[in-house]
Amino acid sequence: MTGQVLSEVSAVVAPEREAGFVAAYRELVTRPLPDGLMRTELLRGQDGRWRIQSLWRDRAALDVVRAAPGGPPAPRLFRDVGADPALAVFEVEVHRVTLVSPG
Protein backbone atom coordinates (compact mmCIF):
# COMPACT_ATOMS: atom_id res chain seq x y z
CA MET A 1 0.00 0.00 0.00
CA THR A 2 1.31 3.45 -0.92
CA GLY A 3 -0.72 5.69 1.42
CA GLN A 4 -1.92 7.63 -1.60
CA VAL A 5 -5.62 8.13 -2.31
CA LEU A 6 -7.47 8.99 -5.50
CA SER A 7 -10.55 11.14 -5.27
CA GLU A 8 -13.06 11.08 -8.08
CA VAL A 9 -15.86 13.60 -8.43
CA SER A 10 -18.29 12.91 -11.28
CA ALA A 11 -21.54 14.18 -12.70
CA VAL A 12 -23.46 14.70 -15.91
CA VAL A 13 -22.98 18.22 -17.29
CA ALA A 14 -25.53 19.65 -19.71
CA PRO A 15 -24.07 20.15 -23.20
CA GLU A 16 -24.65 23.90 -23.13
CA ARG A 17 -22.67 24.16 -19.85
CA GLU A 18 -19.65 22.05 -20.89
CA ALA A 19 -17.52 24.88 -22.34
CA GLY A 20 -17.91 26.95 -19.17
CA PHE A 21 -17.15 23.91 -17.04
CA VAL A 22 -13.91 23.16 -18.93
CA ALA A 23 -12.90 26.83 -18.75
CA ALA A 24 -13.51 26.90 -14.99
CA TYR A 25 -11.39 23.77 -14.49
CA ARG A 26 -8.57 25.23 -16.63
CA GLU A 27 -8.65 28.41 -14.55
CA LEU A 28 -8.67 26.41 -11.31
CA VAL A 29 -5.53 24.46 -12.17
CA THR A 30 -3.59 27.63 -13.02
CA ARG A 31 -3.71 28.54 -9.32
CA PRO A 32 -1.29 27.08 -6.78
CA LEU A 33 -2.34 23.51 -6.02
CA PRO A 34 -3.06 22.41 -2.45
CA ASP A 35 -0.30 20.73 -0.49
CA GLY A 36 -0.38 17.00 -1.14
CA LEU A 37 -2.16 17.16 -4.50
CA MET A 38 0.08 15.19 -6.82
CA ARG A 39 -2.03 15.06 -9.99
CA THR A 40 -5.44 16.13 -11.19
CA GLU A 41 -7.22 15.65 -14.48
CA LEU A 42 -10.55 16.39 -16.09
CA LEU A 43 -12.03 13.48 -18.02
CA ARG A 44 -14.91 13.54 -20.52
CA GLY A 45 -16.99 10.40 -20.90
CA GLN A 46 -20.05 9.50 -22.91
CA ASP A 47 -23.48 11.06 -22.61
CA GLY A 48 -22.26 14.20 -20.82
CA ARG A 49 -20.53 12.29 -18.02
CA TRP A 50 -17.49 14.14 -16.63
CA ARG A 51 -14.97 13.18 -13.94
CA ILE A 52 -12.29 15.02 -12.02
CA GLN A 53 -9.73 12.57 -10.69
CA SER A 54 -7.12 13.78 -8.24
CA LEU A 55 -4.22 11.82 -6.76
CA TRP A 56 -3.32 12.80 -3.20
CA ARG A 57 -0.16 12.09 -1.21
CA ASP A 58 -2.31 10.66 1.58
CA ARG A 59 -5.77 10.79 3.10
CA ALA A 60 -4.76 13.60 5.47
CA ALA A 61 -3.94 15.92 2.52
CA LEU A 62 -7.36 15.25 0.98
CA ASP A 63 -9.09 15.75 4.33
CA VAL A 64 -7.51 19.21 4.76
CA VAL A 65 -8.97 20.34 1.42
CA ARG A 66 -12.35 18.80 2.18
CA ALA A 67 -12.48 20.67 5.51
CA ALA A 68 -11.50 24.07 4.06
CA PRO A 69 -14.04 26.92 4.12
CA GLY A 70 -16.22 26.65 1.03
CA GLY A 71 -15.41 22.96 0.69
CA PRO A 72 -13.35 21.26 -2.00
CA PRO A 73 -13.25 22.91 -5.42
CA ALA A 74 -14.10 19.90 -7.64
CA PRO A 75 -17.68 19.41 -6.38
CA ARG A 76 -18.16 23.18 -6.44
CA LEU A 77 -17.19 23.33 -10.15
CA PHE A 78 -19.91 20.78 -10.92
CA ARG A 79 -22.51 22.56 -8.81
CA ASP A 80 -21.68 25.88 -10.47
CA VAL A 81 -22.87 24.42 -13.81
CA GLY A 82 -26.02 22.91 -12.30
CA ALA A 83 -24.72 19.33 -12.01
CA ASP A 84 -25.14 17.04 -8.99
CA PRO A 85 -21.67 15.63 -8.18
CA ALA A 86 -20.90 12.25 -6.65
CA LEU A 87 -17.66 11.68 -4.72
CA ALA A 88 -15.68 8.47 -4.41
CA VAL A 89 -12.33 7.97 -2.69
CA PHE A 90 -10.03 5.05 -3.45
CA GLU A 91 -6.91 3.88 -1.65
CA VAL A 92 -4.05 3.29 -4.07
CA GLU A 93 -2.87 -0.27 -3.53
CA VAL A 94 -0.39 -0.57 -6.41
CA HIS A 95 1.19 2.27 -8.35
CA ARG A 96 3.37 2.31 -11.47
CA VAL A 97 4.33 5.20 -13.69
CA THR A 98 6.00 4.87 -17.07
CA LEU A 99 7.92 7.88 -18.24
CA VAL A 100 7.74 8.58 -21.93
CA SER A 101 10.54 10.56 -23.50
CA PRO A 102 9.59 13.38 -25.87
CA GLY A 103 9.34 12.03 -29.37
PDB file of N, CA and C in Angstrom:
ATOM      1  N   MET A   1       0.844  -1.185   0.000  1.00  0.00           N
ATOM      2  CA  MET A   1       0.000   0.000   0.000  1.00  0.00           C
ATOM      3  C   MET A   1       0.882   1.239   0.000  1.00  0.00           C
ATOM      4  N   THR A   2       0.480   2.269  -0.758  1.00  0.00           N
ATOM      5  CA  THR A   2       1.309   3.454  -0.921  1.00  0.00           C
ATOM      6  C   THR A   2       0.942   4.588   0.036  1.00  0.00           C
ATOM      7  N   GLY A   3      -0.248   4.567   0.616  1.00  0.00           N
ATOM      8  CA  GLY A   3      -0.719   5.685   1.421  1.00  0.00           C
ATOM      9  C   GLY A   3      -1.441   6.729   0.594  1.00  0.00           C
ATOM     10  N   GLN A   4      -1.255   6.675  -0.719  1.00  0.00           N
ATOM     11  CA  GLN A   4      -1.919   7.630  -1.597  1.00  0.00           C
ATOM     12  C   GLN A   4      -3.398   7.288  -1.733  1.00  0.00           C
ATOM     13  N   VAL A   5      -4.198   8.327  -2.020  1.00  0.00           N
ATOM     14  CA  VAL A   5      -5.618   8.132  -2.306  1.00  0.00           C
ATOM     15  C   VAL A   5      -5.972   8.878  -3.579  1.00  0.00           C
ATOM     16  N   LEU A   6      -6.951   8.364  -4.284  1.00  0.00           N
ATOM     17  CA  LEU A   6      -7.465   8.986  -5.497  1.00  0.00           C
ATOM     18  C   LEU A   6      -8.898   9.402  -5.220  1.00  0.00           C
ATOM     19  N   SER A   7      -9.176  10.686  -5.391  1.00  0.00           N
ATOM     20  CA  SER A   7     -10.554  11.143  -5.271  1.00  0.00           C
ATOM     21  C   SER A   7     -11.121  11.291  -6.674  1.00  0.00           C
ATOM     22  N   GLU A   8     -12.386  10.960  -6.794  1.00  0.00           N
ATOM     23  CA  GLU A   8     -13.063  11.083  -8.076  1.00  0.00           C
ATOM     24  C   GLU A   8     -14.407  11.756  -7.843  1.00  0.00           C
ATOM     25  N   VAL A   9     -14.596  12.884  -8.497  1.00  0.00           N
ATOM     26  CA  VAL A   9     -15.863  13.602  -8.431  1.00  0.00           C
ATOM     27  C   VAL A   9     -16.450  13.546  -9.831  1.00  0.00           C
ATOM     28  N   SER A  10     -17.697  13.094  -9.950  1.00  0.00           N
ATOM     29  CA  SER A  10     -18.286  12.907 -11.278  1.00  0.00           C
ATOM     30  C   SER A  10     -19.730  13.389 -11.298  1.00  0.00           C
ATOM     31  N   ALA A  11     -20.152  13.756 -12.498  1.00  0.00           N
ATOM     32  CA  ALA A  11     -21.538  14.180 -12.702  1.00  0.00           C
ATOM     33  C   ALA A  11     -21.790  14.304 -14.190  1.00  0.00           C
ATOM     34  N   VAL A  12     -23.061  14.411 -14.536  1.00  0.00           N
ATOM     35  CA  VAL A  12     -23.461  14.703 -15.912  1.00  0.00           C
ATOM     36  C   VAL A  12     -23.604  16.214 -16.025  1.00  0.00           C
ATOM     37  N   VAL A  13     -22.937  16.776 -17.041  1.00  0.00           N
ATOM     38  CA  VAL A  13     -22.985  18.217 -17.287  1.00  0.00           C
ATOM     39  C   VAL A  13     -23.781  18.437 -18.574  1.00  0.00           C
ATOM     40  N   ALA A  14     -24.720  19.347 -18.523  1.00  0.00           N
ATOM     41  CA  ALA A  14     -25.535  19.653 -19.705  1.00  0.00           C
ATOM     42  C   ALA A  14     -24.634  20.160 -20.830  1.00  0.00           C
ATOM     43  N   PRO A  15     -24.918  19.754 -22.070  1.00  0.00           N
ATOM     44  CA  PRO A  15     -24.065  20.148 -23.196  1.00  0.00           C
ATOM     45  C   PRO A  15     -23.810  21.654 -23.285  1.00  0.00           C
ATOM     46  N   GLU A  16     -24.821  22.453 -23.022  1.00  0.00           N
ATOM     47  CA  GLU A  16     -24.652  23.903 -23.127  1.00  0.00           C
ATOM     48  C   GLU A  16     -23.796  24.493 -21.998  1.00  0.00           C
ATOM     49  N   ARG A  17     -23.498  23.706 -20.975  1.00  0.00           N
ATOM     50  CA  ARG A  17     -22.674  24.164 -19.853  1.00  0.00           C
ATOM     51  C   ARG A  17     -21.247  23.623 -19.902  1.00  0.00           C
ATOM     52  N   GLU A  18     -20.962  22.709 -20.851  1.00  0.00           N
ATOM     53  CA  GLU A  18     -19.648  22.048 -20.894  1.00  0.00           C
ATOM     54  C   GLU A  18     -18.494  23.015 -21.127  1.00  0.00           C
ATOM     55  N   ALA A  19     -18.622  23.944 -22.045  1.00  0.00           N
ATOM     56  CA  ALA A  19     -17.522  24.877 -22.340  1.00  0.00           C
ATOM     57  C   ALA A  19     -17.162  25.702 -21.104  1.00  0.00           C
ATOM     58  N   GLY A  20     -18.157  26.187 -20.402  1.00  0.00           N
ATOM     59  CA  GLY A  20     -17.908  26.947 -19.173  1.00  0.00           C
ATOM     60  C   GLY A  20     -17.280  26.097 -18.094  1.00  0.00           C
ATOM     61  N   PHE A  21     -17.701  24.847 -18.026  1.00  0.00           N
ATOM     62  CA  PHE A  21     -17.150  23.908 -17.044  1.00  0.00           C
ATOM     63  C   PHE A  21     -15.663  23.667 -17.314  1.00  0.00           C
ATOM     64  N   VAL A  22     -15.318  23.398 -18.568  1.00  0.00           N
ATOM     65  CA  VAL A  22     -13.911  23.165 -18.932  1.00  0.00           C
ATOM     66  C   VAL A  22     -13.087  24.425 -18.656  1.00  0.00           C
ATOM     67  N   ALA A  23     -13.615  25.577 -18.996  1.00  0.00           N
ATOM     68  CA  ALA A  23     -12.898  26.834 -18.753  1.00  0.00           C
ATOM     69  C   ALA A  23     -12.662  27.050 -17.261  1.00  0.00           C
ATOM     70  N   ALA A  24     -13.654  26.737 -16.435  1.00  0.00           N
ATOM     71  CA  ALA A  24     -13.510  26.900 -14.993  1.00  0.00           C
ATOM     72  C   ALA A  24     -12.452  25.944 -14.429  1.00  0.00           C
ATOM     73  N   TYR A  25     -12.412  24.722 -14.941  1.00  0.00           N
ATOM     74  CA  TYR A  25     -11.390  23.765 -14.490  1.00  0.00           C
ATOM     75  C   TYR A  25     -10.000  24.257 -14.907  1.00  0.00           C
ATOM     76  N   ARG A  26      -9.872  24.714 -16.157  1.00  0.00           N
ATOM     77  CA  ARG A  26      -8.574  25.235 -16.632  1.00  0.00           C
ATOM     78  C   ARG A  26      -8.096  26.382 -15.744  1.00  0.00           C
ATOM     79  N   GLU A  27      -9.005  27.271 -15.405  1.00  0.00           N
ATOM     80  CA  GLU A  27      -8.649  28.406 -14.548  1.00  0.00           C
ATOM     81  C   GLU A  27      -8.244  27.916 -13.158  1.00  0.00           C
ATOM     82  N   LEU A  28      -8.971  26.947 -12.633  1.00  0.00           N
ATOM     83  CA  LEU A  28      -8.672  26.406 -11.306  1.00  0.00           C
ATOM     84  C   LEU A  28      -7.252  25.849 -11.238  1.00  0.00           C
ATOM     85  N   VAL A  29      -6.843  25.109 -12.240  1.00  0.00           N
ATOM     86  CA  VAL A  29      -5.530  24.458 -12.174  1.00  0.00           C
ATOM     87  C   VAL A  29      -4.371  25.406 -12.512  1.00  0.00           C
ATOM     88  N   THR A  30      -4.671  26.651 -12.865  1.00  0.00           N
ATOM     89  CA  THR A  30      -3.587  27.627 -13.024  1.00  0.00           C
ATOM     90  C   THR A  30      -3.171  28.207 -11.673  1.00  0.00           C
ATOM     91  N   ARG A  31      -4.014  28.053 -10.673  1.00  0.00           N
ATOM     92  CA  ARG A  31      -3.708  28.543  -9.324  1.00  0.00           C
ATOM     93  C   ARG A  31      -2.754  27.573  -8.632  1.00  0.00           C
ATOM     94  N   PRO A  32      -2.117  28.019  -7.548  1.00  0.00           N
ATOM     95  CA  PRO A  32      -1.286  27.085  -6.779  1.00  0.00           C
ATOM     96  C   PRO A  32      -2.137  25.903  -6.291  1.00  0.00           C
ATOM     97  N   LEU A  33      -1.609  24.705  -6.432  1.00  0.00           N
ATOM     98  CA  LEU A  33      -2.340  23.513  -6.025  1.00  0.00           C
ATOM     99  C   LEU A  33      -2.177  23.282  -4.521  1.00  0.00           C
ATOM    100  N   PRO A  34      -3.155  22.663  -3.884  1.00  0.00           N
ATOM    101  CA  PRO A  34      -3.058  22.406  -2.446  1.00  0.00           C
ATOM    102  C   PRO A  34      -1.893  21.465  -2.129  1.00  0.00           C
ATOM    103  N   ASP A  35      -1.351  21.618  -0.942  1.00  0.00           N
ATOM    104  CA  ASP A  35      -0.298  20.727  -0.487  1.00  0.00           C
ATOM    105  C   ASP A  35      -0.804  19.287  -0.515  1.00  0.00           C
ATOM    106  N   GLY A  36      -0.019  18.415  -1.094  1.00  0.00           N
ATOM    107  CA  GLY A  36      -0.378  17.000  -1.138  1.00  0.00           C
ATOM    108  C   GLY A  36      -1.101  16.571  -2.395  1.00  0.00           C
ATOM    109  N   LEU A  37      -1.520  17.522  -3.231  1.00  0.00           N
ATOM    110  CA  LEU A  37      -2.162  17.158  -4.497  1.00  0.00           C
ATOM    111  C   LEU A  37      -1.062  16.868  -5.508  1.00  0.00           C
ATOM    112  N   MET A  38      -0.999  15.631  -5.947  1.00  0.00           N
ATOM    113  CA  MET A  38       0.084  15.191  -6.822  1.00  0.00           C
ATOM    114  C   MET A  38      -0.289  15.267  -8.304  1.00  0.00           C
ATOM    115  N   ARG A  39      -1.568  15.080  -8.593  1.00  0.00           N
ATOM    116  CA  ARG A  39      -2.027  15.060  -9.988  1.00  0.00           C
ATOM    117  C   ARG A  39      -3.534  15.289  -9.992  1.00  0.00           C
ATOM    118  N   THR A  40      -4.002  15.984 -11.011  1.00  0.00           N
ATOM    119  CA  THR A  40      -5.443  16.130 -11.193  1.00  0.00           C
ATOM    120  C   THR A  40      -5.730  16.192 -12.682  1.00  0.00           C
ATOM    121  N   GLU A  41      -6.861  15.651 -13.069  1.00  0.00           N
ATOM    122  CA  GLU A  41      -7.222  15.654 -14.483  1.00  0.00           C
ATOM    123  C   GLU A  41      -8.733  15.675 -14.643  1.00  0.00           C
ATOM    124  N   LEU A  42      -9.139  16.308 -15.724  1.00  0.00           N
ATOM    125  CA  LEU A  42     -10.552  16.392 -16.087  1.00  0.00           C
ATOM    126  C   LEU A  42     -10.787  15.409 -17.223  1.00  0.00           C
ATOM    127  N   LEU A  43     -11.753  14.530 -17.046  1.00  0.00           N
ATOM    128  CA  LEU A  43     -12.029  13.479 -18.023  1.00  0.00           C
ATOM    129  C   LEU A  43     -13.454  13.612 -18.554  1.00  0.00           C
ATOM    130  N   ARG A  44     -13.585  13.499 -19.878  1.00  0.00           N
ATOM    131  CA  ARG A  44     -14.905  13.538 -20.520  1.00  0.00           C
ATOM    132  C   ARG A  44     -15.291  12.116 -20.901  1.00  0.00           C
ATOM    133  N   GLY A  45     -16.488  11.712 -20.528  1.00  0.00           N
ATOM    134  CA  GLY A  45     -16.995  10.401 -20.902  1.00  0.00           C
ATOM    135  C   GLY A  45     -18.127  10.537 -21.904  1.00  0.00           C
ATOM    136  N   GLN A  46     -18.910   9.501 -21.996  1.00  0.00           N
ATOM    137  CA  GLN A  46     -20.047   9.497 -22.913  1.00  0.00           C
ATOM    138  C   GLN A  46     -21.276  10.088 -22.244  1.00  0.00           C
ATOM    139  N   ASP A  47     -22.183  10.578 -23.074  1.00  0.00           N
ATOM    140  CA  ASP A  47     -23.484  11.062 -22.608  1.00  0.00           C
ATOM    141  C   ASP A  47     -23.383  12.172 -21.565  1.00  0.00           C
ATOM    142  N   GLY A  48     -22.391  13.063 -21.722  1.00  0.00           N
ATOM    143  CA  GLY A  48     -22.264  14.204 -20.821  1.00  0.00           C
ATOM    144  C   GLY A  48     -21.651  13.890 -19.474  1.00  0.00           C
ATOM    145  N   ARG A  49     -21.137  12.685 -19.299  1.00  0.00           N
ATOM    146  CA  ARG A  49     -20.530  12.290 -18.017  1.00  0.00           C
ATOM    147  C   ARG A  49     -19.111  12.842 -17.948  1.00  0.00           C
ATOM    148  N   TRP A  50     -18.803  13.548 -16.873  1.00  0.00           N
ATOM    149  CA  TRP A  50     -17.486  14.136 -16.629  1.00  0.00           C
ATOM    150  C   TRP A  50     -16.954  13.652 -15.288  1.00  0.00           C
ATOM    151  N   ARG A  51     -15.617  13.584 -15.184  1.00  0.00           N
ATOM    152  CA  ARG A  51     -14.966  13.184 -13.941  1.00  0.00           C
ATOM    153  C   ARG A  51     -13.754  14.074 -13.699  1.00  0.00           C
ATOM    154  N   ILE A  52     -13.541  14.410 -12.445  1.00  0.00           N
ATOM    155  CA  ILE A  52     -12.288  15.019 -12.024  1.00  0.00           C
ATOM    156  C   ILE A  52     -11.635  14.011 -11.090  1.00  0.00           C
ATOM    157  N   GLN A  53     -10.489  13.504 -11.518  1.00  0.00           N
ATOM    158  CA  GLN A  53      -9.734  12.567 -10.693  1.00  0.00           C
ATOM    159  C   GLN A  53      -8.503  13.284 -10.162  1.00  0.00           C
ATOM    160  N   SER A  54      -8.246  13.115  -8.874  1.00  0.00           N
ATOM    161  CA  SER A  54      -7.115  13.776  -8.236  1.00  0.00           C
ATOM    162  C   SER A  54      -6.377  12.774  -7.363  1.00  0.00           C
ATOM    163  N   LEU A  55      -5.075  12.716  -7.537  1.00  0.00           N
ATOM    164  CA  LEU A  55      -4.222  11.822  -6.756  1.00  0.00           C
ATOM    165  C   LEU A  55      -3.593  12.626  -5.623  1.00  0.00           C
ATOM    166  N   TRP A  56      -3.785  12.113  -4.401  1.00  0.00           N
ATOM    167  CA  TRP A  56      -3.317  12.804  -3.199  1.00  0.00           C
ATOM    168  C   TRP A  56      -2.207  12.000  -2.531  1.00  0.00           C
ATOM    169  N   ARG A  57      -1.273  12.726  -1.927  1.00  0.00           N
ATOM    170  CA  ARG A  57      -0.161  12.094  -1.210  1.00  0.00           C
ATOM    171  C   ARG A  57      -0.667  11.110  -0.155  1.00  0.00           C
ATOM    172  N   ASP A  58      -1.721  11.503   0.539  1.00  0.00           N
ATOM    173  CA  ASP A  58      -2.306  10.658   1.576  1.00  0.00           C
ATOM    174  C   ASP A  58      -3.702  11.184   1.918  1.00  0.00           C
ATOM    175  N   ARG A  59      -4.393  10.440   2.716  1.00  0.00           N
ATOM    176  CA  ARG A  59      -5.766  10.791   3.097  1.00  0.00           C
ATOM    177  C   ARG A  59      -5.808  12.108   3.871  1.00  0.00           C
ATOM    178  N   ALA A  60      -4.788  12.368   4.674  1.00  0.00           N
ATOM    179  CA  ALA A  60      -4.755  13.598   5.465  1.00  0.00           C
ATOM    180  C   ALA A  60      -4.744  14.826   4.554  1.00  0.00           C
ATOM    181  N   ALA A  61      -3.994  14.794   3.457  1.00  0.00           N
ATOM    182  CA  ALA A  61      -3.943  15.923   2.523  1.00  0.00           C
ATOM    183  C   ALA A  61      -5.324  16.171   1.913  1.00  0.00           C
ATOM    184  N   LEU A  62      -6.006  15.110   1.531  1.00  0.00           N
ATOM    185  CA  LEU A  62      -7.360  15.247   0.984  1.00  0.00           C
ATOM    186  C   LEU A  62      -8.306  15.798   2.046  1.00  0.00           C
ATOM    187  N   ASP A  63      -8.201  15.308   3.259  1.00  0.00           N
ATOM    188  CA  ASP A  63      -9.095  15.751   4.330  1.00  0.00           C
ATOM    189  C   ASP A  63      -8.948  17.241   4.630  1.00  0.00           C
ATOM    190  N   VAL A  64      -7.722  17.773   4.530  1.00  0.00           N
ATOM    191  CA  VAL A  64      -7.506  19.208   4.758  1.00  0.00           C
ATOM    192  C   VAL A  64      -8.297  20.015   3.733  1.00  0.00           C
ATOM    193  N   VAL A  65      -8.239  19.612   2.478  1.00  0.00           N
ATOM    194  CA  VAL A  65      -8.965  20.338   1.419  1.00  0.00           C
ATOM    195  C   VAL A  65     -10.468  20.196   1.615  1.00  0.00           C
ATOM    196  N   ARG A  66     -10.912  19.011   1.992  1.00  0.00           N
ATOM    197  CA  ARG A  66     -12.353  18.804   2.175  1.00  0.00           C
ATOM    198  C   ARG A  66     -12.899  19.614   3.341  1.00  0.00           C
ATOM    199  N   ALA A  67     -12.042  19.926   4.327  1.00  0.00           N
ATOM    200  CA  ALA A  67     -12.479  20.674   5.507  1.00  0.00           C
ATOM    201  C   ALA A  67     -12.333  22.188   5.348  1.00  0.00           C
ATOM    202  N   ALA A  68     -11.743  22.631   4.259  1.00  0.00           N
ATOM    203  CA  ALA A  68     -11.503  24.071   4.057  1.00  0.00           C
ATOM    204  C   ALA A  68     -12.821  24.830   3.927  1.00  0.00           C
ATOM    205  N   PRO A  69     -12.826  26.107   4.310  1.00  0.00           N
ATOM    206  CA  PRO A  69     -14.039  26.918   4.121  1.00  0.00           C
ATOM    207  C   PRO A  69     -14.454  26.909   2.651  1.00  0.00           C
ATOM    208  N   GLY A  70     -15.718  26.716   2.403  1.00  0.00           N
ATOM    209  CA  GLY A  70     -16.222  26.646   1.033  1.00  0.00           C
ATOM    210  C   GLY A  70     -16.155  25.251   0.449  1.00  0.00           C
ATOM    211  N   GLY A  71     -15.484  24.342   1.145  1.00  0.00           N
ATOM    212  CA  GLY A  71     -15.405  22.957   0.690  1.00  0.00           C
ATOM    213  C   GLY A  71     -14.430  22.777  -0.460  1.00  0.00           C
ATOM    214  N   PRO A  72     -14.296  21.551  -0.917  1.00  0.00           N
ATOM    215  CA  PRO A  72     -13.355  21.260  -1.996  1.00  0.00           C
ATOM    216  C   PRO A  72     -13.825  21.845  -3.322  1.00  0.00           C
ATOM    217  N   PRO A  73     -12.868  22.238  -4.178  1.00  0.00           N
ATOM    218  CA  PRO A  73     -13.255  22.913  -5.416  1.00  0.00           C
ATOM    219  C   PRO A  73     -13.911  22.015  -6.463  1.00  0.00           C
ATOM    220  N   ALA A  74     -13.551  20.739  -6.562  1.00  0.00           N
ATOM    221  CA  ALA A  74     -14.103  19.904  -7.636  1.00  0.00           C
ATOM    222  C   ALA A  74     -15.633  19.802  -7.571  1.00  0.00           C
ATOM    223  N   PRO A  75     -16.210  19.448  -6.415  1.00  0.00           N
ATOM    224  CA  PRO A  75     -17.677  19.413  -6.380  1.00  0.00           C
ATOM    225  C   PRO A  75     -18.304  20.774  -6.658  1.00  0.00           C
ATOM    226  N   ARG A  76     -17.631  21.830  -6.212  1.00  0.00           N
ATOM    227  CA  ARG A  76     -18.157  23.179  -6.441  1.00  0.00           C
ATOM    228  C   ARG A  76     -18.199  23.504  -7.932  1.00  0.00           C
ATOM    229  N   LEU A  77     -17.174  23.089  -8.694  1.00  0.00           N
ATOM    230  CA  LEU A  77     -17.187  23.325 -10.148  1.00  0.00           C
ATOM    231  C   LEU A  77     -18.419  22.691 -10.789  1.00  0.00           C
ATOM    232  N   PHE A  78     -18.729  21.462 -10.378  1.00  0.00           N
ATOM    233  CA  PHE A  78     -19.907  20.781 -10.924  1.00  0.00           C
ATOM    234  C   PHE A  78     -21.189  21.513 -10.525  1.00  0.00           C
ATOM    235  N   ARG A  79     -21.289  21.877  -9.255  1.00  0.00           N
ATOM    236  CA  ARG A  79     -22.511  22.558  -8.805  1.00  0.00           C
ATOM    237  C   ARG A  79     -22.707  23.891  -9.514  1.00  0.00           C
ATOM    238  N   ASP A  80     -21.592  24.578  -9.799  1.00  0.00           N
ATOM    239  CA  ASP A  80     -21.682  25.881 -10.471  1.00  0.00           C
ATOM    240  C   ASP A  80     -22.286  25.789 -11.868  1.00  0.00           C
ATOM    241  N   VAL A  81     -22.256  24.598 -12.481  1.00  0.00           N
ATOM    242  CA  VAL A  81     -22.873  24.423 -13.807  1.00  0.00           C
ATOM    243  C   VAL A  81     -24.183  23.627 -13.713  1.00  0.00           C
ATOM    244  N   GLY A  82     -24.719  23.546 -12.489  1.00  0.00           N
ATOM    245  CA  GLY A  82     -26.017  22.912 -12.304  1.00  0.00           C
ATOM    246  C   GLY A  82     -25.996  21.397 -12.260  1.00  0.00           C
ATOM    247  N   ALA A  83     -24.819  20.794 -12.069  1.00  0.00           N
ATOM    248  CA  ALA A  83     -24.718  19.334 -12.010  1.00  0.00           C
ATOM    249  C   ALA A  83     -24.704  18.874 -10.553  1.00  0.00           C
ATOM    250  N   ASP A  84     -25.087  17.631 -10.331  1.00  0.00           N
ATOM    251  CA  ASP A  84     -25.139  17.035  -8.995  1.00  0.00           C
ATOM    252  C   ASP A  84     -23.970  16.052  -8.851  1.00  0.00           C
ATOM    253  N   PRO A  85     -22.863  16.468  -8.216  1.00  0.00           N
ATOM    254  CA  PRO A  85     -21.668  15.630  -8.180  1.00  0.00           C
ATOM    255  C   PRO A  85     -21.754  14.482  -7.181  1.00  0.00           C
ATOM    256  N   ALA A  86     -21.078  13.391  -7.538  1.00  0.00           N
ATOM    257  CA  ALA A  86     -20.898  12.250  -6.646  1.00  0.00           C
ATOM    258  C   ALA A  86     -19.404  12.128  -6.363  1.00  0.00           C
ATOM    259  N   LEU A  87     -19.057  11.805  -5.121  1.00  0.00           N
ATOM    260  CA  LEU A  87     -17.659  11.683  -4.721  1.00  0.00           C
ATOM    261  C   LEU A  87     -17.346  10.240  -4.356  1.00  0.00           C
ATOM    262  N   ALA A  88     -16.199   9.773  -4.822  1.00  0.00           N
ATOM    263  CA  ALA A  88     -15.679   8.465  -4.413  1.00  0.00           C
ATOM    264  C   ALA A  88     -14.209   8.649  -4.081  1.00  0.00           C
ATOM    265  N   VAL A  89     -13.734   7.919  -3.080  1.00  0.00           N
ATOM    266  CA  VAL A  89     -12.329   7.966  -2.690  1.00  0.00           C
ATOM    267  C   VAL A  89     -11.809   6.535  -2.689  1.00  0.00           C
ATOM    268  N   PHE A  90     -10.648   6.361  -3.325  1.00  0.00           N
ATOM    269  CA  PHE A  90     -10.034   5.045  -3.454  1.00  0.00           C
ATOM    270  C   PHE A  90      -8.641   5.069  -2.854  1.00  0.00           C
ATOM    271  N   GLU A  91      -8.279   4.034  -2.128  1.00  0.00           N
ATOM    272  CA  GLU A  91      -6.911   3.879  -1.650  1.00  0.00           C
ATOM    273  C   GLU A  91      -6.089   3.253  -2.766  1.00  0.00           C
ATOM    274  N   VAL A  92      -4.925   3.822  -3.030  1.00  0.00           N
ATOM    275  CA  VAL A  92      -4.050   3.291  -4.071  1.00  0.00           C
ATOM    276  C   VAL A  92      -3.291   2.111  -3.484  1.00  0.00           C
ATOM    277  N   GLU A  93      -3.518   0.944  -4.017  1.00  0.00           N
ATOM    278  CA  GLU A  93      -2.865  -0.267  -3.532  1.00  0.00           C
ATOM    279  C   GLU A  93      -1.566  -0.560  -4.283  1.00  0.00           C
ATOM    280  N   VAL A  94      -1.569  -0.329  -5.571  1.00  0.00           N
ATOM    281  CA  VAL A  94      -0.389  -0.568  -6.407  1.00  0.00           C
ATOM    282  C   VAL A  94      -0.256   0.618  -7.347  1.00  0.00           C
ATOM    283  N   HIS A  95       0.960   1.065  -7.549  1.00  0.00           N
ATOM    284  CA  HIS A  95       1.186   2.269  -8.352  1.00  0.00           C
ATOM    285  C   HIS A  95       2.393   2.049  -9.258  1.00  0.00           C
ATOM    286  N   ARG A  96       2.252   2.369 -10.525  1.00  0.00           N
ATOM    287  CA  ARG A  96       3.371   2.305 -11.465  1.00  0.00           C
ATOM    288  C   ARG A  96       3.225   3.448 -12.452  1.00  0.00           C
ATOM    289  N   VAL A  97       4.317   4.103 -12.724  1.00  0.00           N
ATOM    290  CA  VAL A  97       4.328   5.201 -13.694  1.00  0.00           C
ATOM    291  C   VAL A  97       5.392   4.877 -14.727  1.00  0.00           C
ATOM    292  N   THR A  98       5.047   5.038 -15.985  1.00  0.00           N
ATOM    293  CA  THR A  98       6.000   4.867 -17.068  1.00  0.00           C
ATOM    294  C   THR A  98       6.284   6.236 -17.651  1.00  0.00           C
ATOM    295  N   LEU A  99       7.535   6.592 -17.663  1.00  0.00           N
ATOM    296  CA  LEU A  99       7.922   7.876 -18.238  1.00  0.00           C
ATOM    297  C   LEU A  99       8.154   7.703 -19.728  1.00  0.00           C
ATOM    298  N   VAL A 100       7.598   8.613 -20.483  1.00  0.00           N
ATOM    299  CA  VAL A 100       7.736   8.580 -21.934  1.00  0.00           C
ATOM    300  C   VAL A 100       8.613   9.757 -22.342  1.00  0.00           C
ATOM    301  N   SER A 101       9.669   9.474 -23.070  1.00  0.00           N
ATOM    302  CA  SER A 101      10.538  10.564 -23.503  1.00  0.00           C
ATOM    303  C   SER A 101       9.899  11.299 -24.666  1.00  0.00           C
ATOM    304  N   PRO A 102      10.168  12.610 -24.764  1.00  0.00           N
ATOM    305  CA  PRO A 102       9.591  13.380 -25.874  1.00  0.00           C
ATOM    306  C   PRO A 102      10.007  12.787 -27.210  1.00  0.00           C
ATOM    307  N   GLY A 103       9.091  12.698 -28.098  1.00  0.00           N
ATOM    308  CA  GLY A 103       9.342  12.027 -29.369  1.00  0.00           C
ATOM    309  C   GLY A 103       9.636  12.938 -30.446  1.00  0.00           C
TER     310      GLY A 103
END
